[in-house]
């Protein structure tokens, strides 16, 4: 049992509030799990630099016949690095005045208009904590970019609370 007052018992810390804060671009708010996204970018950036290095000047010790292969590998590494960095800026849960778009790495984006959203739910599923969009017909859509490991469960709950607040704000509009 904690000694915190009841209304303060589940308040997230400053870091969790900062990480759960969406990026805003015009009327769109984008929620995504920033630590893994930045980790992905940190892996993609060196690949981009290494690939550019191969393209700029292939190793002189390589026989001339293998320089074309090295240039091809360098070009592929650069393309992967650029694609990874660009894609990592697109993934997340995009909240607009029309509804919620869920964009992740492994499947097509899904869009849900506000009228079809009942609420957002959060809980443990397997080894992860997951945020779910619950539709008015009872179906559930996993917000994959907001999945959290057990040590991040407060962050995941903050995402769910923020999305429910966005839903309530939308419902309050005339």
Protein backbone atom coordinates (compact mmCIF):
# COMPACT_ATOMS: atom_id res chain seq x y z
CA UNK A 1 0.00 0.00 0.00
CA UNK A 2 1.28 3.47 -0.84
CA UNK A 3 1.16 6.57 1.30
CA UNK A 4 0.07 8.69 -1.66
CA UNK A 5 -3.34 10.37 -1.58
CA UNK A 6 -5.92 8.46 -3.67
CA UNK A 7 -5.98 11.06 -6.47
CA UNK A 8 -2.17 11.07 -6.66
CA UNK A 9 -1.65 7.29 -6.47
CA UNK A 10 -1.64 6.68 -10.22
CA UNK A 11 -0.17 9.96 -11.45
CA UNK A 12 2.73 9.33 -13.87
CA UNK A 13 6.14 10.85 -13.23
CA UNK A 14 7.61 13.72 -15.23
CA UNK A 15 9.54 11.43 -17.61
CA UNK A 16 6.48 9.30 -18.36
CA UNK A 17 4.38 12.43 -18.95
CA UNK A 18 7.06 13.74 -21.33
CA UNK A 19 7.33 10.47 -23.27
CA UNK A 20 3.54 10.09 -23.52
CA UNK A 21 3.13 13.62 -24.88
CA UNK A 22 2.22 13.41 -28.58
CA UNK A 23 4.11 15.08 -31.39
CA UNK A 24 1.84 17.69 -32.94
CA UNK A 25 1.83 18.63 -36.62
CA UNK A 26 -1.00 20.99 -37.41
CA UNK A 27 -4.20 19.28 -36.33
CA UNK A 28 -2.59 15.82 -36.04
CA UNK A 29 -1.27 14.43 -32.77
CA UNK A 30 1.00 11.39 -33.11
CA UNK A 31 1.54 8.97 -30.23
CA UNK A 32 4.33 6.41 -30.45
CA UNK A 33 6.59 4.55 -28.07
CA UNK A 34 9.62 6.83 -28.40
CA UNK A 35 12.37 4.73 -26.77
CA UNK A 36 12.18 1.85 -29.31
CA UNK A 37 11.70 4.29 -32.20
CA UNK A 38 14.85 6.19 -31.22
CA UNK A 39 16.71 2.91 -30.79
CA UNK A 40 15.68 1.95 -34.31
CA UNK A 41 16.90 5.32 -35.62
CA UNK A 42 20.19 4.91 -33.77
CA UNK A 43 20.72 1.61 -35.59
CA UNK A 44 19.68 3.02 -38.97
CA UNK A 45 21.93 6.09 -38.83
CA UNK A 46 25.26 4.17 -38.70
CA UNK A 47 24.04 1.91 -41.49
CA UNK A 48 23.35 5.00 -43.56
CA UNK A 49 26.83 6.37 -42.88
CA UNK A 50 28.55 3.05 -43.62
CA UNK A 51 26.60 2.70 -46.86
CA UNK A 52 27.52 6.23 -47.90
CA UNK A 53 31.15 5.42 -47.12
CA UNK A 54 31.04 2.42 -49.45
CA UNK A 55 29.42 4.51 -52.17
CA UNK A 56 31.87 7.39 -51.81
CA UNK A 57 34.98 5.24 -51.99
CA UNK A 58 34.97 1.46 -52.09
CA UNK A 59 37.94 -0.19 -50.37
CA UNK A 60 41.06 0.06 -52.55
CA UNK A 61 42.15 -3.43 -51.56
CA UNK A 62 39.10 -4.97 -53.23
CA UNK A 63 39.67 -6.42 -56.71
CA UNK A 64 38.03 -4.35 -59.44
CA UNK A 65 35.57 -7.15 -60.15
CA UNK A 66 34.16 -6.97 -56.60
CA UNK A 67 33.89 -3.17 -56.47
CA UNK A 68 30.54 -3.33 -58.27
CA UNK A 69 29.25 -5.75 -55.64
CA UNK A 70 30.50 -3.47 -52.85
CA UNK A 71 28.81 -0.49 -54.49
CA UNK A 72 25.57 -2.48 -54.74
CA UNK A 73 25.80 -3.46 -51.07
CA UNK A 74 26.53 0.15 -50.14
CA UNK A 75 23.51 1.34 -52.14
CA UNK A 76 21.26 -1.25 -50.48
CA UNK A 77 22.49 -0.27 -47.01
CA UNK A 78 21.85 3.42 -47.78
CA UNK A 79 18.35 2.65 -49.07
CA UNK A 80 17.58 0.60 -45.96
CA UNK A 81 18.90 3.36 -43.68
CA UNK A 82 16.88 6.06 -45.42
CA UNK A 83 13.74 3.90 -45.48
CA UNK A 84 14.12 3.04 -41.79
CA UNK A 85 14.55 6.65 -40.75
CA UNK A 86 11.64 7.88 -42.90
CA UNK A 87 9.35 5.02 -41.82
CA UNK A 88 10.17 5.58 -38.15
CA UNK A 89 8.82 9.14 -38.51
CA UNK A 90 5.52 7.80 -39.91
CA UNK A 91 4.68 5.03 -37.43
CA UNK A 92 2.40 5.64 -34.49
CA UNK A 93 -1.18 6.38 -33.59
CA UNK A 94 -2.26 9.52 -35.46
CA UNK A 95 -5.19 11.38 -33.89
CA UNK A 96 -7.06 13.83 -36.13
CA UNK A 97 -10.43 15.56 -36.05
CA UNK A 98 -11.78 12.75 -38.29
CA UNK A 99 -10.59 9.82 -36.15
CA UNK A 100 -7.61 7.62 -35.31
CA UNK A 101 -5.14 6.13 -37.81
CA UNK A 102 -2.91 3.30 -36.56
CA UNK A 103 0.34 3.01 -38.57
CA UNK A 104 2.88 0.31 -37.72
CA UNK A 105 5.79 -1.53 -39.31
CA UNK A 106 4.14 -4.87 -40.03
CA UNK A 107 0.71 -4.23 -41.52
CA UNK A 108 -1.41 -1.76 -43.41
CA UNK A 109 -2.56 1.38 -41.62
CA UNK A 110 -6.05 1.19 -40.18
CA UNK A 111 -8.42 4.12 -39.73
CA UNK A 112 -11.26 4.39 -37.23
CA UNK A 113 -13.68 7.36 -37.28
CA UNK A 114 -14.53 8.79 -33.86
CA UNK A 115 -18.15 7.62 -34.18
CA UNK A 116 -16.95 3.99 -34.26
CA UNK A 117 -14.69 4.23 -31.18
CA UNK A 118 -16.12 3.27 -27.79
CA UNK A 119 -12.93 3.63 -25.72
CA UNK A 120 -9.27 2.68 -25.44
CA UNK A 121 -8.25 -0.20 -23.19
CA UNK A 122 -4.91 -1.20 -21.69
CA UNK A 123 -3.67 -4.39 -20.12
CA UNK A 124 -1.22 -7.25 -20.12
CA UNK A 125 -1.32 -9.66 -23.03
CA UNK A 126 1.41 -12.26 -23.07
CA UNK A 127 4.74 -10.72 -22.16
CA UNK A 128 3.73 -7.17 -23.18
CA UNK A 129 1.33 -4.50 -22.02
CA UNK A 130 -0.87 -3.46 -24.92
CA UNK A 131 -3.16 -0.57 -25.79
CA UNK A 132 -6.35 -1.51 -27.63
CA UNK A 133 -8.90 0.54 -29.52
CA UNK A 134 -12.34 -0.86 -28.62
CA UNK A 135 -14.95 -0.17 -31.30
CA UNK A 136 -18.63 0.40 -30.64
CA UNK A 137 -19.36 -3.07 -32.06
CA UNK A 138 -17.02 -4.64 -29.45
CA UNK A 139 -14.13 -5.44 -31.79
CA UNK A 140 -10.62 -4.63 -30.59
CA UNK A 141 -7.70 -3.29 -32.61
CA UNK A 142 -4.23 -3.42 -31.12
CA UNK A 143 -2.29 -0.16 -31.22
CA UNK A 144 1.02 -1.96 -31.87
CA UNK A 145 3.24 1.10 -31.71
CA UNK A 146 2.11 1.65 -28.12
CA UNK A 147 3.05 -1.83 -26.84
CA UNK A 148 5.22 -1.69 -23.73
CA UNK A 149 7.42 -4.08 -21.78
CA UNK A 150 6.48 -4.76 -18.15
CA UNK A 151 8.99 -2.19 -16.87
CA UNK A 152 7.26 0.44 -19.09
CA UNK A 153 3.70 -0.31 -17.99
CA UNK A 154 3.20 3.19 -16.55
CA UNK A 155 4.11 4.66 -19.94
CA UNK A 156 1.60 2.40 -21.69
CA UNK A 157 -1.11 3.39 -19.23
CA UNK A 158 -0.27 7.06 -19.87
CA UNK A 159 -0.75 6.49 -23.63
CA UNK A 160 -4.12 4.85 -23.02
CA UNK A 161 -5.23 7.65 -20.68
CA UNK A 162 -4.16 10.29 -23.24
CA UNK A 163 -6.08 8.56 -26.04
CA UNK A 164 -9.19 8.30 -23.86
CA UNK A 165 -8.80 12.01 -23.04
CA UNK A 166 -8.61 12.77 -26.80
CA UNK A 167 -11.79 10.71 -27.29
CA UNK A 168 -13.61 12.58 -24.52
CA UNK A 169 -12.43 15.91 -25.91
CA UNK A 170 -13.79 14.95 -29.33
CA UNK A 171 -17.12 13.87 -27.84
CA UNK A 172 -17.42 17.17 -25.96
CA UNK A 173 -17.20 19.16 -29.21
CA UNK A 174 -20.55 20.25 -30.70
